[in-house]
PDB file of N, CA and C in Angstrom:
ATOM      1  N   MET A   1      -7.456  -4.816  -4.897  1.00  0.00           N
ATOM      2  CA  MET A   1      -6.188  -4.374  -5.399  1.00  0.00           C
ATOM      3  C   MET A   1      -6.007  -4.840  -6.841  1.00  0.00           C
ATOM      4  N   ALA A   2      -6.355  -6.080  -7.109  1.00  0.00           N
ATOM      5  CA  ALA A   2      -6.166  -6.631  -8.451  1.00  0.00           C
ATOM      6  C   ALA A   2      -7.051  -5.912  -9.468  1.00  0.00           C
ATOM      7  N   PHE A   3      -8.301  -5.683  -9.108  1.00  0.00           N
ATOM      8  CA  PHE A   3      -9.214  -4.992 -10.020  1.00  0.00           C
ATOM      9  C   PHE A   3      -8.730  -3.569 -10.282  1.00  0.00           C
ATOM     10  N   SER A   4      -8.261  -2.931  -9.246  1.00  0.00           N
ATOM     11  CA  SER A   4      -7.776  -1.568  -9.360  1.00  0.00           C
ATOM     12  C   SER A   4      -6.589  -1.475 -10.307  1.00  0.00           C
ATOM     13  N   VAL A   5      -5.601  -2.317 -10.091  1.00  0.00           N
ATOM     14  CA  VAL A   5      -4.412  -2.260 -10.941  1.00  0.00           C
ATOM     15  C   VAL A   5      -4.734  -2.735 -12.359  1.00  0.00           C
ATOM     16  N   TRP A   6      -5.672  -3.647 -12.505  1.00  0.00           N
ATOM     17  CA  TRP A   6      -6.084  -4.091 -13.827  1.00  0.00           C
ATOM     18  C   TRP A   6      -6.637  -2.924 -14.638  1.00  0.00           C
ATOM     19  N   ARG A   7      -7.425  -2.077 -13.979  1.00  0.00           N
ATOM     20  CA  ARG A   7      -7.983  -0.911 -14.680  1.00  0.00           C
ATOM     21  C   ARG A   7      -6.879   0.048 -15.108  1.00  0.00           C
ATOM     22  N   ILE A   8      -5.871   0.209 -14.281  1.00  0.00           N
ATOM     23  CA  ILE A   8      -4.762   1.106 -14.629  1.00  0.00           C
ATOM     24  C   ILE A   8      -3.885   0.469 -15.705  1.00  0.00           C
ATOM     25  N   LEU A   9      -3.644  -0.829 -15.622  1.00  0.00           N
ATOM     26  CA  LEU A   9      -2.857  -1.511 -16.649  1.00  0.00           C
ATOM     27  C   LEU A   9      -3.487  -1.367 -18.030  1.00  0.00           C
ATOM     28  N   ALA A  10      -4.810  -1.309 -18.056  1.00  0.00           N
ATOM     29  CA  ALA A  10      -5.514  -1.180 -19.328  1.00  0.00           C
ATOM     30  C   ALA A  10      -5.223   0.151 -20.021  1.00  0.00           C
ATOM     31  N   ILE A  11      -4.864   1.169 -19.254  1.00  0.00           N
ATOM     32  CA  ILE A  11      -4.583   2.475 -19.861  1.00  0.00           C
ATOM     33  C   ILE A  11      -3.118   2.868 -19.759  1.00  0.00           C
ATOM     34  N   ALA A  12      -2.301   2.091 -19.067  1.00  0.00           N
ATOM     35  CA  ALA A  12      -0.911   2.472 -18.795  1.00  0.00           C
ATOM     36  C   ALA A  12      -0.081   2.624 -20.059  1.00  0.00           C
ATOM     37  N   ASP A  13      -0.302   1.769 -21.042  1.00  0.00           N
ATOM     38  CA  ASP A  13       0.517   1.868 -22.244  1.00  0.00           C
ATOM     39  C   ASP A  13       0.101   3.038 -23.129  1.00  0.00           C
ATOM     40  N   ARG A  14      -1.058   3.606 -22.889  1.00  0.00           N
ATOM     41  CA  ARG A  14      -1.503   4.770 -23.658  1.00  0.00           C
ATOM     42  C   ARG A  14      -1.120   6.087 -23.000  1.00  0.00           C
ATOM     43  N   ARG A  15      -0.846   6.065 -21.701  1.00  0.00           N
ATOM     44  CA  ARG A  15      -0.579   7.305 -20.982  1.00  0.00           C
ATOM     45  C   ARG A  15       0.634   7.149 -20.076  1.00  0.00           C
ATOM     46  N   ALA A  16       1.519   8.116 -20.124  1.00  0.00           N
ATOM     47  CA  ALA A  16       2.726   8.090 -19.281  1.00  0.00           C
ATOM     48  C   ALA A  16       2.357   8.140 -17.806  1.00  0.00           C
ATOM     49  N   GLU A  17       1.264   8.836 -17.474  1.00  0.00           N
ATOM     50  CA  GLU A  17       0.835   8.919 -16.075  1.00  0.00           C
ATOM     51  C   GLU A  17       0.467   7.547 -15.530  1.00  0.00           C
ATOM     52  N   GLY A  18      -0.020   6.676 -16.402  1.00  0.00           N
ATOM     53  CA  GLY A  18      -0.362   5.316 -15.986  1.00  0.00           C
ATOM     54  C   GLY A  18       0.870   4.547 -15.566  1.00  0.00           C
ATOM     55  N   ARG A  19       1.945   4.728 -16.300  1.00  0.00           N
ATOM     56  CA  ARG A  19       3.195   4.050 -15.929  1.00  0.00           C
ATOM     57  C   ARG A  19       3.718   4.586 -14.599  1.00  0.00           C
ATOM     58  N   THR A  20       3.607   5.881 -14.394  1.00  0.00           N
ATOM     59  CA  THR A  20       4.038   6.476 -13.125  1.00  0.00           C
ATOM     60  C   THR A  20       3.205   5.925 -11.968  1.00  0.00           C
ATOM     61  N   ALA A  21       1.923   5.782 -12.186  1.00  0.00           N
ATOM     62  CA  ALA A  21       1.045   5.243 -11.146  1.00  0.00           C
ATOM     63  C   ALA A  21       1.440   3.810 -10.795  1.00  0.00           C
ATOM     64  N   LEU A  22       1.820   3.043 -11.801  1.00  0.00           N
ATOM     65  CA  LEU A  22       2.232   1.657 -11.549  1.00  0.00           C
ATOM     66  C   LEU A  22       3.552   1.595 -10.796  1.00  0.00           C
ATOM     67  N   VAL A  23       4.406   2.585 -11.008  1.00  0.00           N
ATOM     68  CA  VAL A  23       5.671   2.653 -10.263  1.00  0.00           C
ATOM     69  C   VAL A  23       5.404   2.838  -8.774  1.00  0.00           C
ATOM     70  N   LEU A  24       4.294   3.437  -8.424  1.00  0.00           N
ATOM     71  CA  LEU A  24       3.899   3.566  -7.016  1.00  0.00           C
ATOM     72  C   LEU A  24       3.187   2.306  -6.515  1.00  0.00           C
ATOM     73  N   PHE A  25       2.369   1.709  -7.372  1.00  0.00           N
ATOM     74  CA  PHE A  25       1.558   0.569  -6.950  1.00  0.00           C
ATOM     75  C   PHE A  25       2.412  -0.648  -6.592  1.00  0.00           C
ATOM     76  N   PHE A  26       3.335  -1.024  -7.460  1.00  0.00           N
ATOM     77  CA  PHE A  26       4.051  -2.279  -7.247  1.00  0.00           C
ATOM     78  C   PHE A  26       4.990  -2.254  -6.036  1.00  0.00           C
ATOM     79  N   PRO A  27       5.676  -1.148  -5.737  1.00  0.00           N
ATOM     80  CA  PRO A  27       6.441  -1.137  -4.476  1.00  0.00           C
ATOM     81  C   PRO A  27       5.554  -1.255  -3.238  1.00  0.00           C
ATOM     82  N   GLN A  28       4.374  -0.619  -3.243  1.00  0.00           N
ATOM     83  CA  GLN A  28       3.505  -0.755  -2.069  1.00  0.00           C
ATOM     84  C   GLN A  28       3.005  -2.178  -1.950  1.00  0.00           C
ATOM     85  N   LEU A  29       2.829  -2.851  -3.069  1.00  0.00           N
ATOM     86  CA  LEU A  29       2.436  -4.259  -3.040  1.00  0.00           C
ATOM     87  C   LEU A  29       3.549  -5.118  -2.432  1.00  0.00           C
ATOM     88  N   LEU A  30       4.787  -4.799  -2.775  1.00  0.00           N
ATOM     89  CA  LEU A  30       5.927  -5.502  -2.192  1.00  0.00           C
ATOM     90  C   LEU A  30       6.010  -5.260  -0.682  1.00  0.00           C
ATOM     91  N   PHE A  31       5.845  -4.002  -0.262  1.00  0.00           N
ATOM     92  CA  PHE A  31       5.827  -3.689   1.171  1.00  0.00           C
ATOM     93  C   PHE A  31       4.701  -4.449   1.866  1.00  0.00           C
ATOM     94  N   TYR A  32       3.539  -4.511   1.217  1.00  0.00           N
ATOM     95  CA  TYR A  32       2.380  -5.198   1.781  1.00  0.00           C
ATOM     96  C   TYR A  32       2.700  -6.675   2.020  1.00  0.00           C
ATOM     97  N   ALA A  33       3.330  -7.317   1.045  1.00  0.00           N
ATOM     98  CA  ALA A  33       3.681  -8.729   1.167  1.00  0.00           C
ATOM     99  C   ALA A  33       4.791  -8.937   2.201  1.00  0.00           C
ATOM    100  N   LEU A  34       5.718  -8.014   2.271  1.00  0.00           N
ATOM    101  CA  LEU A  34       6.857  -8.139   3.172  1.00  0.00           C
ATOM    102  C   LEU A  34       6.474  -7.933   4.638  1.00  0.00           C
ATOM    103  N   TRP A  35       5.427  -7.148   4.897  1.00  0.00           N
ATOM    104  CA  TRP A  35       5.063  -6.827   6.273  1.00  0.00           C
ATOM    105  C   TRP A  35       4.810  -8.093   7.102  1.00  0.00           C
ATOM    106  N   SER A  36       4.031  -9.019   6.580  1.00  0.00           N
ATOM    107  CA  SER A  36       3.714 -10.233   7.345  1.00  0.00           C
ATOM    108  C   SER A  36       4.970 -11.006   7.698  1.00  0.00           C
ATOM    109  N   TRP A  37       5.893 -11.079   6.781  1.00  0.00           N
ATOM    110  CA  TRP A  37       7.130 -11.800   7.028  1.00  0.00           C
ATOM    111  C   TRP A  37       7.949 -11.110   8.118  1.00  0.00           C
ATOM    112  N   LEU A  38       8.006  -9.782   8.077  1.00  0.00           N
ATOM    113  CA  LEU A  38       8.762  -9.041   9.094  1.00  0.00           C
ATOM    114  C   LEU A  38       8.106  -9.153  10.465  1.00  0.00           C
ATOM    115  N   PHE A  39       6.811  -8.922  10.508  1.00  0.00           N
ATOM    116  CA  PHE A  39       6.098  -8.892  11.783  1.00  0.00           C
ATOM    117  C   PHE A  39       5.977 -10.290  12.385  1.00  0.00           C
ATOM    118  N   PHE A  40       5.493 -11.239  11.606  1.00  0.00           N
ATOM    119  CA  PHE A  40       5.254 -12.580  12.132  1.00  0.00           C
ATOM    120  C   PHE A  40       6.473 -13.487  11.998  1.00  0.00           C
ATOM    121  N   GLY A  41       7.129 -13.458  10.856  1.00  0.00           N
ATOM    122  CA  GLY A  41       8.279 -14.333  10.629  1.00  0.00           C
ATOM    123  C   GLY A  41       9.469 -13.963  11.504  1.00  0.00           C
ATOM    124  N   TRP A  42       9.779 -12.698  11.554  1.00  0.00           N
ATOM    125  CA  TRP A  42      10.892 -12.230  12.390  1.00  0.00           C
ATOM    126  C   TRP A  42      10.456 -11.993  13.827  1.00  0.00           C
ATOM    127  N   HIS A  43       9.154 -12.036  14.094  1.00  0.00           N
ATOM    128  CA  HIS A  43       8.604 -11.719  15.415  1.00  0.00           C
ATOM    129  C   HIS A  43       9.074 -10.328  15.842  1.00  0.00           C
ATOM    130  N   SER A  44       9.010  -9.376  14.893  1.00  0.00           N
ATOM    131  CA  SER A  44       9.551  -8.041  15.144  1.00  0.00           C
ATOM    132  C   SER A  44       8.516  -6.954  14.860  1.00  0.00           C
ATOM    133  N   PRO A  45       7.822  -6.492  15.892  1.00  0.00           N
ATOM    134  CA  PRO A  45       6.915  -5.372  15.694  1.00  0.00           C
ATOM    135  C   PRO A  45       7.629  -4.118  15.191  1.00  0.00           C
ATOM    136  N   LEU A  46       8.892  -3.931  15.594  1.00  0.00           N
ATOM    137  CA  LEU A  46       9.637  -2.763  15.116  1.00  0.00           C
ATOM    138  C   LEU A  46       9.880  -2.839  13.612  1.00  0.00           C
ATOM    139  N   ALA A  47      10.309  -4.002  13.126  1.00  0.00           N
ATOM    140  CA  ALA A  47      10.524  -4.164  11.681  1.00  0.00           C
ATOM    141  C   ALA A  47       9.209  -3.985  10.927  1.00  0.00           C
ATOM    142  N   GLY A  48       8.129  -4.512  11.490  1.00  0.00           N
ATOM    143  CA  GLY A  48       6.817  -4.316  10.871  1.00  0.00           C
ATOM    144  C   GLY A  48       6.441  -2.859  10.811  1.00  0.00           C
ATOM    145  N   LEU A  49       6.718  -2.133  11.883  1.00  0.00           N
ATOM    146  CA  LEU A  49       6.402  -0.703  11.934  1.00  0.00           C
ATOM    147  C   LEU A  49       7.236   0.083  10.927  1.00  0.00           C
ATOM    148  N   LEU A  50       8.510  -0.277  10.812  1.00  0.00           N
ATOM    149  CA  LEU A  50       9.382   0.392   9.848  1.00  0.00           C
ATOM    150  C   LEU A  50       8.959   0.113   8.411  1.00  0.00           C
ATOM    151  N   ASN A  51       8.248  -0.976   8.205  1.00  0.00           N
ATOM    152  CA  ASN A  51       7.726  -1.317   6.883  1.00  0.00           C
ATOM    153  C   ASN A  51       6.383  -0.653   6.619  1.00  0.00           C
ATOM    154  N   ILE A  52       5.515  -0.648   7.620  1.00  0.00           N
ATOM    155  CA  ILE A  52       4.128  -0.258   7.377  1.00  0.00           C
ATOM    156  C   ILE A  52       3.955   1.253   7.178  1.00  0.00           C
ATOM    157  N   VAL A  53       4.852   2.040   7.739  1.00  0.00           N
ATOM    158  CA  VAL A  53       4.735   3.499   7.564  1.00  0.00           C
ATOM    159  C   VAL A  53       4.967   3.897   6.101  1.00  0.00           C
ATOM    160  N   PRO A  54       6.096   3.500   5.480  1.00  0.00           N
ATOM    161  CA  PRO A  54       6.237   3.854   4.065  1.00  0.00           C
ATOM    162  C   PRO A  54       5.205   3.153   3.180  1.00  0.00           C
ATOM    163  N   GLN A  55       4.785   1.960   3.593  1.00  0.00           N
ATOM    164  CA  GLN A  55       3.739   1.256   2.853  1.00  0.00           C
ATOM    165  C   GLN A  55       2.470   2.108   2.799  1.00  0.00           C
ATOM    166  N   PHE A  56       2.059   2.622   3.943  1.00  0.00           N
ATOM    167  CA  PHE A  56       0.850   3.444   4.007  1.00  0.00           C
ATOM    168  C   PHE A  56       1.001   4.702   3.152  1.00  0.00           C
ATOM    169  N   LEU A  57       2.156   5.331   3.207  1.00  0.00           N
ATOM    170  CA  LEU A  57       2.389   6.535   2.400  1.00  0.00           C
ATOM    171  C   LEU A  57       2.354   6.220   0.909  1.00  0.00           C
ATOM    172  N   LEU A  58       2.902   5.082   0.529  1.00  0.00           N
ATOM    173  CA  LEU A  58       2.843   4.670  -0.878  1.00  0.00           C
ATOM    174  C   LEU A  58       1.415   4.379  -1.320  1.00  0.00           C
ATOM    175  N   ILE A  59       0.624   3.790  -0.437  1.00  0.00           N
ATOM    176  CA  ILE A  59      -0.780   3.522  -0.772  1.00  0.00           C
ATOM    177  C   ILE A  59      -1.514   4.832  -1.003  1.00  0.00           C
ATOM    178  N   LEU A  60      -1.298   5.814  -0.124  1.00  0.00           N
ATOM    179  CA  LEU A  60      -1.948   7.109  -0.305  1.00  0.00           C
ATOM    180  C   LEU A  60      -1.501   7.781  -1.600  1.00  0.00           C
ATOM    181  N   ALA A  61      -0.210   7.707  -1.904  1.00  0.00           N
ATOM    182  CA  ALA A  61       0.295   8.292  -3.154  1.00  0.00           C
ATOM    183  C   ALA A  61      -0.292   7.572  -4.363  1.00  0.00           C
ATOM    184  N   THR A  62      -0.429   6.253  -4.259  1.00  0.00           N
ATOM    185  CA  THR A  62      -1.015   5.476  -5.353  1.00  0.00           C
ATOM    186  C   THR A  62      -2.469   5.859  -5.567  1.00  0.00           C
ATOM    187  N   ILE A  63      -3.219   5.991  -4.487  1.00  0.00           N
ATOM    188  CA  ILE A  63      -4.620   6.408  -4.604  1.00  0.00           C
ATOM    189  C   ILE A  63      -4.703   7.767  -5.283  1.00  0.00           C
ATOM    190  N   ASP A  64      -3.853   8.678  -4.860  1.00  0.00           N
ATOM    191  CA  ASP A  64      -3.866  10.012  -5.464  1.00  0.00           C
ATOM    192  C   ASP A  64      -3.566   9.949  -6.958  1.00  0.00           C
ATOM    193  N   ARG A  65      -2.567   9.180  -7.340  1.00  0.00           N
ATOM    194  CA  ARG A  65      -2.195   9.073  -8.756  1.00  0.00           C
ATOM    195  C   ARG A  65      -3.281   8.357  -9.550  1.00  0.00           C
ATOM    196  N   PHE A  66      -3.841   7.278  -8.986  1.00  0.00           N
ATOM    197  CA  PHE A  66      -4.904   6.548  -9.668  1.00  0.00           C
ATOM    198  C   PHE A  66      -6.135   7.440  -9.863  1.00  0.00           C
ATOM    199  N   ARG A  67      -6.379   8.322  -8.890  1.00  0.00           N
ATOM    200  CA  ARG A  67      -7.565   9.190  -8.946  1.00  0.00           C
ATOM    201  C   ARG A  67      -7.590  10.025 -10.217  1.00  0.00           C
ATOM    202  N   TRP A  68      -6.430  10.458 -10.659  1.00  0.00           N
ATOM    203  CA  TRP A  68      -6.356  11.284 -11.863  1.00  0.00           C
ATOM    204  C   TRP A  68      -6.529  10.474 -13.139  1.00  0.00           C
ATOM    205  N   LEU A  69      -6.355   9.178 -13.030  1.00  0.00           N
ATOM    206  CA  LEU A  69      -6.462   8.305 -14.205  1.00  0.00           C
ATOM    207  C   LEU A  69      -7.795   7.578 -14.269  1.00  0.00           C
ATOM    208  N   ASP A  70      -8.250   7.089 -13.117  1.00  0.00           N
ATOM    209  CA  ASP A  70      -9.474   6.289 -13.074  1.00  0.00           C
ATOM    210  C   ASP A  70      -9.999   6.331 -11.632  1.00  0.00           C
ATOM    211  N   LEU A  71     -11.081   7.045 -11.430  1.00  0.00           N
ATOM    212  CA  LEU A  71     -11.627   7.224 -10.086  1.00  0.00           C
ATOM    213  C   LEU A  71     -12.033   5.892  -9.457  1.00  0.00           C
ATOM    214  N   VAL A  72     -12.594   4.991 -10.245  1.00  0.00           N
ATOM    215  CA  VAL A  72     -12.996   3.685  -9.714  1.00  0.00           C
ATOM    216  C   VAL A  72     -11.779   2.930  -9.194  1.00  0.00           C
ATOM    217  N   ALA A  73     -10.681   2.959  -9.947  1.00  0.00           N
ATOM    218  CA  ALA A  73      -9.449   2.284  -9.515  1.00  0.00           C
ATOM    219  C   ALA A  73      -8.957   2.877  -8.200  1.00  0.00           C
ATOM    220  N   ALA A  74      -9.026   4.179  -8.076  1.00  0.00           N
ATOM    221  CA  ALA A  74      -8.590   4.832  -6.834  1.00  0.00           C
ATOM    222  C   ALA A  74      -9.492   4.438  -5.668  1.00  0.00           C
ATOM    223  N   LEU A  75     -10.787   4.461  -5.888  1.00  0.00           N
ATOM    224  CA  LEU A  75     -11.726   4.133  -4.815  1.00  0.00           C
ATOM    225  C   LEU A  75     -11.590   2.677  -4.360  1.00  0.00           C
ATOM    226  N   CYS A  76     -11.182   1.808  -5.259  1.00  0.00           N
ATOM    227  CA  CYS A  76     -10.985   0.396  -4.890  1.00  0.00           C
ATOM    228  C   CYS A  76      -9.828   0.215  -3.915  1.00  0.00           C
ATOM    229  N   LEU A  77      -8.922   1.188  -3.850  1.00  0.00           N
ATOM    230  CA  LEU A  77      -7.796   1.093  -2.926  1.00  0.00           C
ATOM    231  C   LEU A  77      -8.074   1.738  -1.570  1.00  0.00           C
ATOM    232  N   VAL A  78      -9.188   2.424  -1.436  1.00  0.00           N
ATOM    233  CA  VAL A  78      -9.507   3.083  -0.166  1.00  0.00           C
ATOM    234  C   VAL A  78      -9.662   2.068   0.979  1.00  0.00           C
ATOM    235  N   PRO A  79     -10.340   0.936   0.770  1.00  0.00           N
ATOM    236  CA  PRO A  79     -10.397  -0.048   1.873  1.00  0.00           C
ATOM    237  C   PRO A  79      -9.011  -0.564   2.273  1.00  0.00           C
ATOM    238  N   LEU A  80      -8.113  -0.695   1.321  1.00  0.00           N
ATOM    239  CA  LEU A  80      -6.749  -1.099   1.636  1.00  0.00           C
ATOM    240  C   LEU A  80      -6.080  -0.057   2.526  1.00  0.00           C
ATOM    241  N   ALA A  81      -6.245   1.212   2.177  1.00  0.00           N
ATOM    242  CA  ALA A  81      -5.661   2.286   2.985  1.00  0.00           C
ATOM    243  C   ALA A  81      -6.241   2.274   4.399  1.00  0.00           C
ATOM    244  N   ALA A  82      -7.542   2.053   4.505  1.00  0.00           N
ATOM    245  CA  ALA A  82      -8.178   2.012   5.823  1.00  0.00           C
ATOM    246  C   ALA A  82      -7.644   0.834   6.640  1.00  0.00           C
ATOM    247  N   TRP A  83      -7.503  -0.326   5.998  1.00  0.00           N
ATOM    248  CA  TRP A  83      -6.992  -1.504   6.696  1.00  0.00           C
ATOM    249  C   TRP A  83      -5.557  -1.282   7.145  1.00  0.00           C
ATOM    250  N   VAL A  84      -4.717  -0.743   6.273  1.00  0.00           N
ATOM    251  CA  VAL A  84      -3.310  -0.543   6.627  1.00  0.00           C
ATOM    252  C   VAL A  84      -3.178   0.533   7.713  1.00  0.00           C
ATOM    253  N   ALA A  85      -4.048   1.533   7.700  1.00  0.00           N
ATOM    254  CA  ALA A  85      -4.042   2.537   8.773  1.00  0.00           C
ATOM    255  C   ALA A  85      -4.363   1.869  10.112  1.00  0.00           C
ATOM    256  N   PHE A  86      -5.383   1.023  10.119  1.00  0.00           N
ATOM    257  CA  PHE A  86      -5.748   0.302  11.334  1.00  0.00           C
ATOM    258  C   PHE A  86      -4.627  -0.641  11.767  1.00  0.00           C
ATOM    259  N   ALA A  87      -4.067  -1.376  10.808  1.00  0.00           N
ATOM    260  CA  ALA A  87      -2.958  -2.290  11.118  1.00  0.00           C
ATOM    261  C   ALA A  87      -1.748  -1.518  11.638  1.00  0.00           C
ATOM    262  N   SER A  88      -1.544  -0.305  11.148  1.00  0.00           N
ATOM    263  CA  SER A  88      -0.435   0.531  11.628  1.00  0.00           C
ATOM    264  C   SER A  88      -0.611   0.866  13.103  1.00  0.00           C
ATOM    265  N   LEU A  89      -1.834   1.216  13.474  1.00  0.00           N
ATOM    266  CA  LEU A  89      -2.109   1.513  14.881  1.00  0.00           C
ATOM    267  C   LEU A  89      -1.893   0.283  15.758  1.00  0.00           C
ATOM    268  N   LEU A  90      -2.380  -0.856  15.284  1.00  0.00           N
ATOM    269  CA  LEU A  90      -2.174  -2.097  16.041  1.00  0.00           C
ATOM    270  C   LEU A  90      -0.690  -2.431  16.154  1.00  0.00           C
ATOM    271  N   ASN A  91       0.014  -2.302  15.042  1.00  0.00           N
ATOM    272  CA  ASN A  91       1.450  -2.594  15.028  1.00  0.00           C
ATOM    273  C   ASN A  91       2.180  -1.671  15.998  1.00  0.00           C
ATOM    274  N   PHE A  92       1.835  -0.395  15.983  1.00  0.00           N
ATOM    275  CA  PHE A  92       2.480   0.561  16.883  1.00  0.00           C
ATOM    276  C   PHE A  92       2.230   0.195  18.343  1.00  0.00           C
ATOM    277  N   GLU A  93       0.990  -0.128  18.662  1.00  0.00           N
ATOM    278  CA  GLU A  93       0.654  -0.470  20.050  1.00  0.00           C
ATOM    279  C   GLU A  93       1.350  -1.748  20.495  1.00  0.00           C
ATOM    280  N   ILE A  94       1.426  -2.729  19.626  1.00  0.00           N
ATOM    281  CA  ILE A  94       2.134  -3.965  19.978  1.00  0.00           C
ATOM    282  C   ILE A  94       3.600  -3.664  20.226  1.00  0.00           C
ATOM    283  N   TRP A  95       4.196  -2.835  19.364  1.00  0.00           N
ATOM    284  CA  TRP A  95       5.601  -2.449  19.569  1.00  0.00           C
ATOM    285  C   TRP A  95       5.765  -1.680  20.874  1.00  0.00           C
ATOM    286  N   ARG A  96       4.885  -0.710  21.108  1.00  0.00           N
ATOM    287  CA  ARG A  96       4.978   0.119  22.315  1.00  0.00           C
ATOM    288  C   ARG A  96       4.812  -0.723  23.576  1.00  0.00           C
ATOM    289  N   LEU A  97       3.866  -1.609  23.591  1.00  0.00           N
ATOM    290  CA  LEU A  97       3.612  -2.415  24.771  1.00  0.00           C
ATOM    291  C   LEU A  97       4.708  -3.453  25.027  1.00  0.00           C
ATOM    292  N   ASN A  98       5.447  -3.814  24.003  1.00  0.00           N
ATOM    293  CA  ASN A  98       6.511  -4.807  24.164  1.00  0.00           C
ATOM    294  C   ASN A  98       7.891  -4.187  24.235  1.00  0.00           C
ATOM    295  N   ALA A  99       7.975  -2.868  24.134  1.00  0.00           N
ATOM    296  CA  ALA A  99       9.299  -2.210  24.167  1.00  0.00           C
ATOM    297  C   ALA A  99       9.791  -2.055  25.585  1.00  0.00           C
TER     298      ALA A  99
END
C-alpha cells in the first residue's frame, strides 16, 4: 500500500487525476484501520461488515483510478483487494453464524 501510494504521490501534484486517486485511497485506508477496531474492539461482526463492504468498493475504485495513472501502483493494491475480499467472506460468515 505504501509503495503504491508513494508512486501516485510522486505524480499527484502534476496531474489532477492523481489528486482524485488520492481522495479514494486515503478514505479506504481509514476504513482499513477502523475495521479491526470495530470487529475486535467492539466485538461486532455486524459493524465490521458494515465497514468492510464500502472499504472493498473503495479499494476497487482506487485500483481503477491508479491503473490510469500508474499500472504498477494499481497492481500493488491487487493483493489488498484479494485479502479484503477474503476477509469480507469471513466477516460475513462470522456474523451469519452468530446472528
